[in-house]
Amino acid sequence: MDIQATNIPAVDDSGPDAANLELPPDAGVQHCLQLLVDAGLRPTRQRLALGRLLFLRGHRHVTAESLFEEAMAANAYLSLATVYNTLNQFTEAGLLRRIAADGIKSFFDTDTSVHPHFYLEGEDMLVDVAEGLAFTRIPEALPGHEIARLDVIVHLRRKRT
């Protein structure tokens, strides 16, 4: 099983706005800026701060609450509502994929490709299923509809001894 971390240390992004961020001119920051622009999103301070946490650390599964905590640790003072709004904007722009694993909490996946997940009940963790799961047939869409996406979530719990 390929387990992806959900809690990765944050980076500092406390600049006043996107145009005046005093950031080191590295390829990662430029990549983040380009992702936002290519997705049709204005690179505001808030979007850049959260984008850096999301897209410069490899593949991630985060919740709004976990990302909010990372942002606070990185001195990117944002409200939880701003984090939710930004995650929703990133999802609508195609930069993230929303996974509702337990019907209550949503995870946001930086890998937007179609791939299955394990949800570890009691541990509140979402992990990718290792390569090798293949679907040989999916159902036909109802007349007048098309399949928008396919989500497969396998719920796991610890064995009772």
N, C-alpha and C. Protein backbone atom coordinates (compact mmCIF):
# COMPACT_ATOMS: atom_id res chain seq x y z
N MET A 1 0.85 -1.18 0.00
CA MET A 1 0.00 0.00 0.00
C MET A 1 0.89 1.23 0.00
N ASP A 2 0.57 2.17 -0.84
CA ASP A 2 1.30 3.42 -0.95
C ASP A 2 0.62 4.44 -0.07
N ILE A 3 1.19 4.70 1.11
CA ILE A 3 0.55 5.63 2.05
C ILE A 3 1.10 7.02 1.82
N GLN A 4 0.19 7.97 1.67
CA GLN A 4 0.56 9.37 1.46
C GLN A 4 0.36 10.14 2.75
N ALA A 5 1.32 10.94 3.14
CA ALA A 5 1.21 11.72 4.36
C ALA A 5 0.12 12.76 4.25
N THR A 6 -0.55 13.02 5.38
CA THR A 6 -1.56 14.06 5.38
C THR A 6 -1.11 15.27 6.19
N ASN A 7 -0.04 15.15 6.95
CA ASN A 7 0.45 16.28 7.74
C ASN A 7 1.90 16.53 7.41
N ILE A 8 2.14 17.53 6.59
CA ILE A 8 3.48 17.88 6.16
C ILE A 8 3.79 19.27 6.68
N PRO A 9 4.99 19.49 7.23
CA PRO A 9 5.31 20.82 7.77
C PRO A 9 5.08 21.91 6.74
N ALA A 10 4.64 23.04 7.22
CA ALA A 10 4.30 24.17 6.35
C ALA A 10 5.51 25.05 6.11
N VAL A 11 5.37 25.93 5.14
CA VAL A 11 6.38 26.94 4.86
C VAL A 11 5.84 28.30 5.25
N ASP A 12 6.71 29.24 5.48
CA ASP A 12 6.28 30.58 5.88
C ASP A 12 5.88 31.39 4.66
N ASP A 13 4.72 32.01 4.72
CA ASP A 13 4.26 32.90 3.65
C ASP A 13 3.44 34.00 4.30
N SER A 14 4.11 35.03 4.76
CA SER A 14 3.40 36.08 5.48
C SER A 14 3.44 37.42 4.75
N GLY A 15 3.68 37.40 3.46
CA GLY A 15 3.74 38.64 2.69
C GLY A 15 2.39 39.32 2.58
N PRO A 16 2.35 40.60 2.30
CA PRO A 16 1.11 41.36 2.30
C PRO A 16 0.16 41.04 1.15
N ASP A 17 0.66 40.81 -0.05
CA ASP A 17 -0.21 40.41 -1.15
C ASP A 17 0.66 39.80 -2.25
N ALA A 18 0.00 39.24 -3.26
CA ALA A 18 0.72 38.50 -4.28
C ALA A 18 1.74 39.36 -5.03
N ALA A 19 1.39 40.58 -5.32
CA ALA A 19 2.28 41.43 -6.09
C ALA A 19 3.51 41.85 -5.29
N ASN A 20 3.39 41.91 -3.97
CA ASN A 20 4.48 42.39 -3.14
C ASN A 20 5.13 41.31 -2.30
N LEU A 21 4.85 40.02 -2.57
CA LEU A 21 5.47 38.96 -1.80
C LEU A 21 6.97 39.01 -1.99
N GLU A 22 7.68 38.99 -0.91
CA GLU A 22 9.13 38.97 -0.97
C GLU A 22 9.57 37.52 -0.83
N LEU A 23 9.44 36.78 -1.91
CA LEU A 23 9.73 35.36 -1.91
C LEU A 23 11.03 35.12 -2.65
N PRO A 24 11.75 34.08 -2.25
CA PRO A 24 12.93 33.74 -3.03
C PRO A 24 12.51 33.33 -4.43
N PRO A 25 13.23 33.75 -5.42
CA PRO A 25 12.84 33.45 -6.80
C PRO A 25 13.16 32.00 -7.15
N ASP A 26 12.48 31.04 -6.52
CA ASP A 26 12.77 29.65 -6.85
C ASP A 26 11.69 29.08 -7.76
N ALA A 27 12.01 27.96 -8.34
CA ALA A 27 11.12 27.35 -9.33
C ALA A 27 9.81 26.91 -8.70
N GLY A 28 9.82 26.49 -7.44
CA GLY A 28 8.60 26.03 -6.77
C GLY A 28 7.56 27.12 -6.65
N VAL A 29 7.98 28.30 -6.25
CA VAL A 29 7.05 29.42 -6.11
C VAL A 29 6.52 29.81 -7.48
N GLN A 30 7.38 29.85 -8.46
CA GLN A 30 6.94 30.19 -9.82
C GLN A 30 5.96 29.14 -10.34
N HIS A 31 6.23 27.88 -10.01
CA HIS A 31 5.32 26.81 -10.41
C HIS A 31 3.94 27.02 -9.79
N CYS A 32 3.90 27.37 -8.53
CA CYS A 32 2.63 27.63 -7.84
C CYS A 32 1.89 28.80 -8.46
N LEU A 33 2.60 29.87 -8.72
CA LEU A 33 2.01 31.04 -9.38
C LEU A 33 1.42 30.65 -10.73
N GLN A 34 2.18 29.87 -11.49
CA GLN A 34 1.73 29.46 -12.82
C GLN A 34 0.51 28.56 -12.74
N LEU A 35 0.46 27.66 -11.75
CA LEU A 35 -0.72 26.81 -11.57
C LEU A 35 -1.97 27.65 -11.38
N LEU A 36 -1.88 28.66 -10.53
CA LEU A 36 -3.03 29.50 -10.26
C LEU A 36 -3.46 30.28 -11.51
N VAL A 37 -2.49 30.87 -12.18
CA VAL A 37 -2.80 31.65 -13.38
C VAL A 37 -3.40 30.76 -14.46
N ASP A 38 -2.79 29.59 -14.68
CA ASP A 38 -3.29 28.66 -15.71
C ASP A 38 -4.70 28.18 -15.38
N ALA A 39 -5.04 28.11 -14.10
CA ALA A 39 -6.38 27.68 -13.69
C ALA A 39 -7.38 28.82 -13.73
N GLY A 40 -6.92 30.02 -14.10
CA GLY A 40 -7.81 31.17 -14.18
C GLY A 40 -8.07 31.83 -12.85
N LEU A 41 -7.19 31.58 -11.88
CA LEU A 41 -7.35 32.18 -10.55
C LEU A 41 -6.33 33.30 -10.35
N ARG A 42 -6.80 34.40 -9.80
CA ARG A 42 -5.90 35.50 -9.48
C ARG A 42 -5.02 35.07 -8.31
N PRO A 43 -3.70 35.22 -8.41
CA PRO A 43 -2.82 34.77 -7.33
C PRO A 43 -2.78 35.75 -6.15
N THR A 44 -3.83 35.70 -5.33
CA THR A 44 -3.88 36.53 -4.13
C THR A 44 -2.94 35.98 -3.07
N ARG A 45 -2.68 36.77 -2.05
CA ARG A 45 -1.82 36.32 -0.95
C ARG A 45 -2.35 35.04 -0.34
N GLN A 46 -3.66 34.96 -0.12
CA GLN A 46 -4.25 33.78 0.51
C GLN A 46 -4.10 32.56 -0.38
N ARG A 47 -4.40 32.71 -1.67
CA ARG A 47 -4.29 31.58 -2.58
C ARG A 47 -2.85 31.11 -2.72
N LEU A 48 -1.92 32.06 -2.77
CA LEU A 48 -0.50 31.68 -2.85
C LEU A 48 -0.04 30.97 -1.59
N ALA A 49 -0.45 31.47 -0.44
CA ALA A 49 -0.04 30.83 0.82
C ALA A 49 -0.55 29.40 0.87
N LEU A 50 -1.81 29.20 0.56
CA LEU A 50 -2.38 27.86 0.61
C LEU A 50 -1.87 27.00 -0.56
N GLY A 51 -1.67 27.62 -1.71
CA GLY A 51 -1.12 26.90 -2.85
C GLY A 51 0.27 26.36 -2.57
N ARG A 52 1.08 27.15 -1.90
CA ARG A 52 2.43 26.69 -1.55
C ARG A 52 2.36 25.50 -0.62
N LEU A 53 1.45 25.53 0.33
CA LEU A 53 1.31 24.40 1.25
C LEU A 53 0.80 23.15 0.53
N LEU A 54 -0.08 23.35 -0.43
CA LEU A 54 -0.69 22.22 -1.12
C LEU A 54 0.16 21.64 -2.24
N PHE A 55 0.72 22.50 -3.07
CA PHE A 55 1.28 22.03 -4.34
C PHE A 55 2.80 21.93 -4.39
N LEU A 56 3.49 22.39 -3.36
CA LEU A 56 4.95 22.34 -3.39
C LEU A 56 5.51 21.25 -2.50
N ARG A 57 4.66 20.39 -1.99
CA ARG A 57 5.09 19.34 -1.06
C ARG A 57 4.74 17.94 -1.55
N GLY A 58 4.52 17.78 -2.83
CA GLY A 58 4.17 16.46 -3.35
C GLY A 58 2.70 16.16 -3.18
N HIS A 59 2.35 14.93 -3.48
CA HIS A 59 0.96 14.50 -3.42
C HIS A 59 0.45 14.55 -1.98
N ARG A 60 -0.75 15.12 -1.78
CA ARG A 60 -1.28 15.31 -0.44
C ARG A 60 -2.77 15.04 -0.38
N HIS A 61 -3.22 14.60 0.78
CA HIS A 61 -4.64 14.55 1.14
C HIS A 61 -4.77 15.44 2.38
N VAL A 62 -5.56 16.48 2.30
CA VAL A 62 -5.73 17.38 3.44
C VAL A 62 -7.21 17.62 3.68
N THR A 63 -7.52 18.03 4.91
CA THR A 63 -8.84 18.54 5.23
C THR A 63 -8.69 20.05 5.39
N ALA A 64 -9.78 20.76 5.39
CA ALA A 64 -9.71 22.21 5.60
C ALA A 64 -9.09 22.51 6.97
N GLU A 65 -9.44 21.72 7.96
CA GLU A 65 -8.93 21.95 9.31
C GLU A 65 -7.42 21.70 9.38
N SER A 66 -6.94 20.63 8.75
CA SER A 66 -5.50 20.35 8.81
C SER A 66 -4.71 21.41 8.04
N LEU A 67 -5.26 21.87 6.92
CA LEU A 67 -4.58 22.92 6.15
C LEU A 67 -4.59 24.24 6.92
N PHE A 68 -5.69 24.53 7.60
CA PHE A 68 -5.77 25.74 8.43
C PHE A 68 -4.67 25.71 9.50
N GLU A 69 -4.49 24.56 10.15
CA GLU A 69 -3.45 24.44 11.18
C GLU A 69 -2.06 24.65 10.59
N GLU A 70 -1.81 24.10 9.42
CA GLU A 70 -0.53 24.31 8.75
C GLU A 70 -0.31 25.77 8.41
N ALA A 71 -1.35 26.42 7.93
CA ALA A 71 -1.24 27.84 7.57
C ALA A 71 -0.92 28.67 8.80
N MET A 72 -1.57 28.37 9.91
CA MET A 72 -1.31 29.11 11.15
C MET A 72 0.14 28.88 11.60
N ALA A 73 0.61 27.64 11.50
CA ALA A 73 1.99 27.33 11.89
C ALA A 73 2.99 28.05 10.98
N ALA A 74 2.58 28.34 9.76
CA ALA A 74 3.45 29.03 8.79
C ALA A 74 3.30 30.54 8.86
N ASN A 75 2.57 31.03 9.86
CA ASN A 75 2.33 32.47 10.02
C ASN A 75 1.58 33.08 8.85
N ALA A 76 0.78 32.27 8.18
CA ALA A 76 -0.11 32.77 7.13
C ALA A 76 -1.47 32.91 7.78
N TYR A 77 -1.72 34.03 8.37
CA TYR A 77 -2.92 34.22 9.19
C TYR A 77 -4.16 34.35 8.32
N LEU A 78 -4.88 33.25 8.22
CA LEU A 78 -6.10 33.17 7.42
C LEU A 78 -7.21 32.63 8.31
N SER A 79 -8.43 32.97 7.99
CA SER A 79 -9.55 32.39 8.73
C SER A 79 -9.84 31.01 8.18
N LEU A 80 -10.50 30.19 8.98
CA LEU A 80 -10.92 28.87 8.52
C LEU A 80 -11.87 29.01 7.34
N ALA A 81 -12.72 30.03 7.34
CA ALA A 81 -13.63 30.26 6.21
C ALA A 81 -12.85 30.53 4.93
N THR A 82 -11.76 31.28 5.01
CA THR A 82 -10.93 31.54 3.84
C THR A 82 -10.31 30.25 3.32
N VAL A 83 -9.89 29.38 4.23
CA VAL A 83 -9.32 28.10 3.81
C VAL A 83 -10.38 27.28 3.08
N TYR A 84 -11.59 27.19 3.65
CA TYR A 84 -12.67 26.46 2.98
C TYR A 84 -12.97 27.06 1.61
N ASN A 85 -13.10 28.37 1.54
CA ASN A 85 -13.42 29.03 0.27
C ASN A 85 -12.33 28.77 -0.77
N THR A 86 -11.08 28.86 -0.35
CA THR A 86 -9.97 28.66 -1.28
C THR A 86 -9.91 27.21 -1.75
N LEU A 87 -10.12 26.26 -0.85
CA LEU A 87 -10.15 24.86 -1.26
C LEU A 87 -11.27 24.61 -2.27
N ASN A 88 -12.42 25.21 -2.03
CA ASN A 88 -13.53 25.08 -2.98
C ASN A 88 -13.19 25.71 -4.33
N GLN A 89 -12.54 26.88 -4.32
CA GLN A 89 -12.13 27.53 -5.56
C GLN A 89 -11.11 26.68 -6.32
N PHE A 90 -10.14 26.12 -5.59
CA PHE A 90 -9.13 25.26 -6.22
C PHE A 90 -9.80 24.01 -6.81
N THR A 91 -10.80 23.48 -6.12
CA THR A 91 -11.51 22.30 -6.62
C THR A 91 -12.28 22.64 -7.89
N GLU A 92 -13.00 23.76 -7.86
CA GLU A 92 -13.77 24.18 -9.05
C GLU A 92 -12.85 24.46 -10.23
N ALA A 93 -11.64 24.91 -9.97
CA ALA A 93 -10.68 25.22 -11.03
C ALA A 93 -9.94 23.97 -11.52
N GLY A 94 -10.18 22.82 -10.88
CA GLY A 94 -9.56 21.57 -11.31
C GLY A 94 -8.20 21.31 -10.69
N LEU A 95 -7.79 22.10 -9.71
CA LEU A 95 -6.48 21.89 -9.08
C LEU A 95 -6.52 20.84 -7.98
N LEU A 96 -7.69 20.60 -7.42
CA LEU A 96 -7.88 19.62 -6.35
C LEU A 96 -9.06 18.74 -6.68
N ARG A 97 -9.12 17.63 -5.99
CA ARG A 97 -10.26 16.73 -6.08
C ARG A 97 -10.82 16.53 -4.68
N ARG A 98 -12.11 16.74 -4.52
CA ARG A 98 -12.77 16.57 -3.22
C ARG A 98 -13.18 15.11 -3.06
N ILE A 99 -12.83 14.54 -1.91
CA ILE A 99 -13.19 13.16 -1.59
C ILE A 99 -13.97 13.20 -0.27
N ALA A 100 -15.24 12.81 -0.32
CA ALA A 100 -16.06 12.75 0.89
C ALA A 100 -16.00 11.32 1.40
N ALA A 101 -15.04 11.04 2.27
CA ALA A 101 -14.76 9.67 2.69
C ALA A 101 -15.77 9.12 3.67
N ASP A 102 -16.23 9.92 4.60
CA ASP A 102 -17.11 9.38 5.64
C ASP A 102 -18.49 10.03 5.66
N GLY A 103 -18.80 10.83 4.67
CA GLY A 103 -20.10 11.48 4.60
C GLY A 103 -20.17 12.76 5.42
N ILE A 104 -19.17 13.02 6.22
CA ILE A 104 -19.15 14.22 7.06
C ILE A 104 -17.99 15.13 6.67
N LYS A 105 -16.81 14.58 6.64
CA LYS A 105 -15.61 15.36 6.38
C LYS A 105 -15.13 15.14 4.95
N SER A 106 -14.70 16.21 4.32
CA SER A 106 -14.14 16.12 2.98
C SER A 106 -12.62 16.22 3.06
N PHE A 107 -11.98 15.40 2.25
CA PHE A 107 -10.55 15.49 2.03
C PHE A 107 -10.36 16.13 0.66
N PHE A 108 -9.25 16.82 0.50
CA PHE A 108 -8.91 17.42 -0.78
C PHE A 108 -7.61 16.78 -1.24
N ASP A 109 -7.63 16.24 -2.44
CA ASP A 109 -6.53 15.47 -2.99
C ASP A 109 -5.84 16.30 -4.07
N THR A 110 -4.52 16.42 -3.98
CA THR A 110 -3.78 17.18 -4.98
C THR A 110 -3.56 16.36 -6.25
N ASP A 111 -3.81 15.06 -6.19
CA ASP A 111 -3.75 14.21 -7.39
C ASP A 111 -5.16 14.11 -7.93
N THR A 112 -5.43 14.81 -9.02
CA THR A 112 -6.79 14.88 -9.55
C THR A 112 -7.11 13.74 -10.51
N SER A 113 -6.19 12.82 -10.71
CA SER A 113 -6.46 11.68 -11.58
C SER A 113 -7.45 10.73 -10.91
N VAL A 114 -8.07 9.87 -11.71
CA VAL A 114 -8.99 8.87 -11.17
C VAL A 114 -8.15 7.79 -10.50
N HIS A 115 -8.31 7.64 -9.20
CA HIS A 115 -7.61 6.59 -8.46
C HIS A 115 -8.38 6.30 -7.17
N PRO A 116 -8.34 5.05 -6.72
CA PRO A 116 -9.09 4.64 -5.53
C PRO A 116 -8.34 4.97 -4.25
N HIS A 117 -9.09 5.00 -3.15
CA HIS A 117 -8.54 5.33 -1.84
C HIS A 117 -8.98 4.33 -0.78
N PHE A 118 -8.15 4.22 0.25
CA PHE A 118 -8.54 3.58 1.50
C PHE A 118 -8.87 4.70 2.47
N TYR A 119 -9.95 4.53 3.23
CA TYR A 119 -10.24 5.45 4.33
C TYR A 119 -10.10 4.63 5.61
N LEU A 120 -9.18 5.04 6.48
CA LEU A 120 -8.93 4.32 7.72
C LEU A 120 -9.86 4.87 8.80
N GLU A 121 -10.94 4.13 9.05
CA GLU A 121 -11.92 4.55 10.05
C GLU A 121 -11.27 4.56 11.42
N GLY A 122 -11.64 5.52 12.22
CA GLY A 122 -11.07 5.65 13.55
C GLY A 122 -9.74 6.38 13.56
N GLU A 123 -9.08 6.44 12.42
CA GLU A 123 -7.80 7.15 12.30
C GLU A 123 -7.96 8.41 11.48
N ASP A 124 -9.13 8.55 10.83
CA ASP A 124 -9.45 9.73 10.03
C ASP A 124 -8.34 10.04 9.03
N MET A 125 -7.97 9.00 8.26
CA MET A 125 -6.89 9.16 7.31
C MET A 125 -7.32 8.59 5.96
N LEU A 126 -6.96 9.28 4.90
CA LEU A 126 -7.23 8.85 3.54
C LEU A 126 -5.89 8.53 2.89
N VAL A 127 -5.77 7.36 2.28
CA VAL A 127 -4.53 6.97 1.61
C VAL A 127 -4.87 6.38 0.24
N ASP A 128 -3.95 6.52 -0.68
CA ASP A 128 -4.14 5.96 -2.01
C ASP A 128 -4.00 4.45 -1.97
N VAL A 129 -4.80 3.76 -2.78
CA VAL A 129 -4.64 2.34 -2.98
C VAL A 129 -3.45 2.17 -3.91
N ALA A 130 -2.60 1.19 -3.62
CA ALA A 130 -1.42 0.95 -4.45
C ALA A 130 -1.84 0.61 -5.88
N GLU A 131 -0.93 0.80 -6.79
CA GLU A 131 -1.16 0.49 -8.20
C GLU A 131 -1.67 -0.95 -8.34
N GLY A 132 -2.42 -1.19 -9.38
CA GLY A 132 -2.85 -2.55 -9.66
C GLY A 132 -4.34 -2.75 -9.62
N LEU A 133 -5.10 -1.83 -9.05
CA LEU A 133 -6.55 -1.95 -9.05
C LEU A 133 -7.04 -1.45 -10.40
N ALA A 134 -7.75 -2.31 -11.11
CA ALA A 134 -8.23 -1.93 -12.44
C ALA A 134 -9.72 -2.21 -12.54
N PHE A 135 -10.40 -1.37 -13.26
CA PHE A 135 -11.82 -1.55 -13.51
C PHE A 135 -11.97 -1.98 -14.97
N THR A 136 -12.54 -3.17 -15.15
CA THR A 136 -12.71 -3.65 -16.52
C THR A 136 -14.00 -3.15 -17.13
N ARG A 137 -14.94 -2.75 -16.28
CA ARG A 137 -16.21 -2.26 -16.80
C ARG A 137 -16.85 -1.35 -15.76
N ILE A 138 -17.33 -0.22 -16.19
CA ILE A 138 -18.11 0.65 -15.31
C ILE A 138 -19.51 0.77 -15.92
N PRO A 139 -20.50 1.08 -15.11
CA PRO A 139 -21.87 1.12 -15.64
C PRO A 139 -22.05 2.25 -16.65
N GLU A 140 -23.00 2.05 -17.53
CA GLU A 140 -23.37 3.10 -18.50
C GLU A 140 -24.08 4.21 -17.75
N ALA A 141 -23.89 5.43 -18.19
CA ALA A 141 -24.61 6.57 -17.60
C ALA A 141 -26.08 6.48 -18.00
N LEU A 142 -26.92 7.08 -17.20
CA LEU A 142 -28.34 7.15 -17.53
C LEU A 142 -28.53 7.98 -18.80
N PRO A 143 -29.59 7.73 -19.54
CA PRO A 143 -29.84 8.51 -20.77
C PRO A 143 -29.84 10.02 -20.47
N GLY A 144 -29.15 10.76 -21.30
CA GLY A 144 -29.08 12.21 -21.14
C GLY A 144 -28.03 12.65 -20.12
N HIS A 145 -27.25 11.73 -19.59
CA HIS A 145 -26.22 12.03 -18.59
C HIS A 145 -24.88 11.48 -19.03
N GLU A 146 -23.84 11.98 -18.41
CA GLU A 146 -22.50 11.44 -18.61
C GLU A 146 -21.83 11.27 -17.26
N ILE A 147 -20.90 10.34 -17.20
CA ILE A 147 -20.18 10.11 -15.95
C ILE A 147 -19.21 11.25 -15.76
N ALA A 148 -19.35 11.96 -14.64
CA ALA A 148 -18.48 13.10 -14.35
C ALA A 148 -17.18 12.65 -13.70
N ARG A 149 -17.27 11.66 -12.84
CA ARG A 149 -16.07 11.12 -12.19
C ARG A 149 -16.44 9.82 -11.51
N LEU A 150 -15.42 9.07 -11.13
CA LEU A 150 -15.61 7.80 -10.46
C LEU A 150 -14.81 7.84 -9.17
N ASP A 151 -15.48 7.64 -8.05
CA ASP A 151 -14.80 7.60 -6.75
C ASP A 151 -14.97 6.22 -6.16
N VAL A 152 -13.86 5.62 -5.77
CA VAL A 152 -13.89 4.34 -5.07
C VAL A 152 -13.16 4.54 -3.76
N ILE A 153 -13.88 4.33 -2.67
CA ILE A 153 -13.30 4.46 -1.34
C ILE A 153 -13.55 3.16 -0.60
N VAL A 154 -12.48 2.50 -0.20
CA VAL A 154 -12.58 1.27 0.58
C VAL A 154 -12.37 1.65 2.04
N HIS A 155 -13.36 1.40 2.86
CA HIS A 155 -13.29 1.74 4.29
C HIS A 155 -12.63 0.59 5.03
N LEU A 156 -11.60 0.93 5.81
CA LEU A 156 -10.88 -0.06 6.61
C LEU A 156 -10.99 0.29 8.08
N ARG A 157 -10.94 -0.72 8.93
CA ARG A 157 -10.85 -0.49 10.36
C ARG A 157 -9.88 -1.52 10.91
N ARG A 158 -9.30 -1.21 12.05
CA ARG A 158 -8.35 -2.12 12.71
C ARG A 158 -9.10 -3.38 13.13
N LYS A 159 -8.43 -4.52 12.99
CA LYS A 159 -9.01 -5.77 13.43
C LYS A 159 -9.10 -5.78 14.95
N ARG A 160 -10.18 -6.34 15.43
CA ARG A 160 -10.33 -6.49 16.87
C ARG A 160 -9.63 -7.78 17.27
N THR A 161 -8.84 -7.73 18.31
CA THR A 161 -8.12 -8.94 18.74
C THR A 161 -8.77 -9.59 19.93
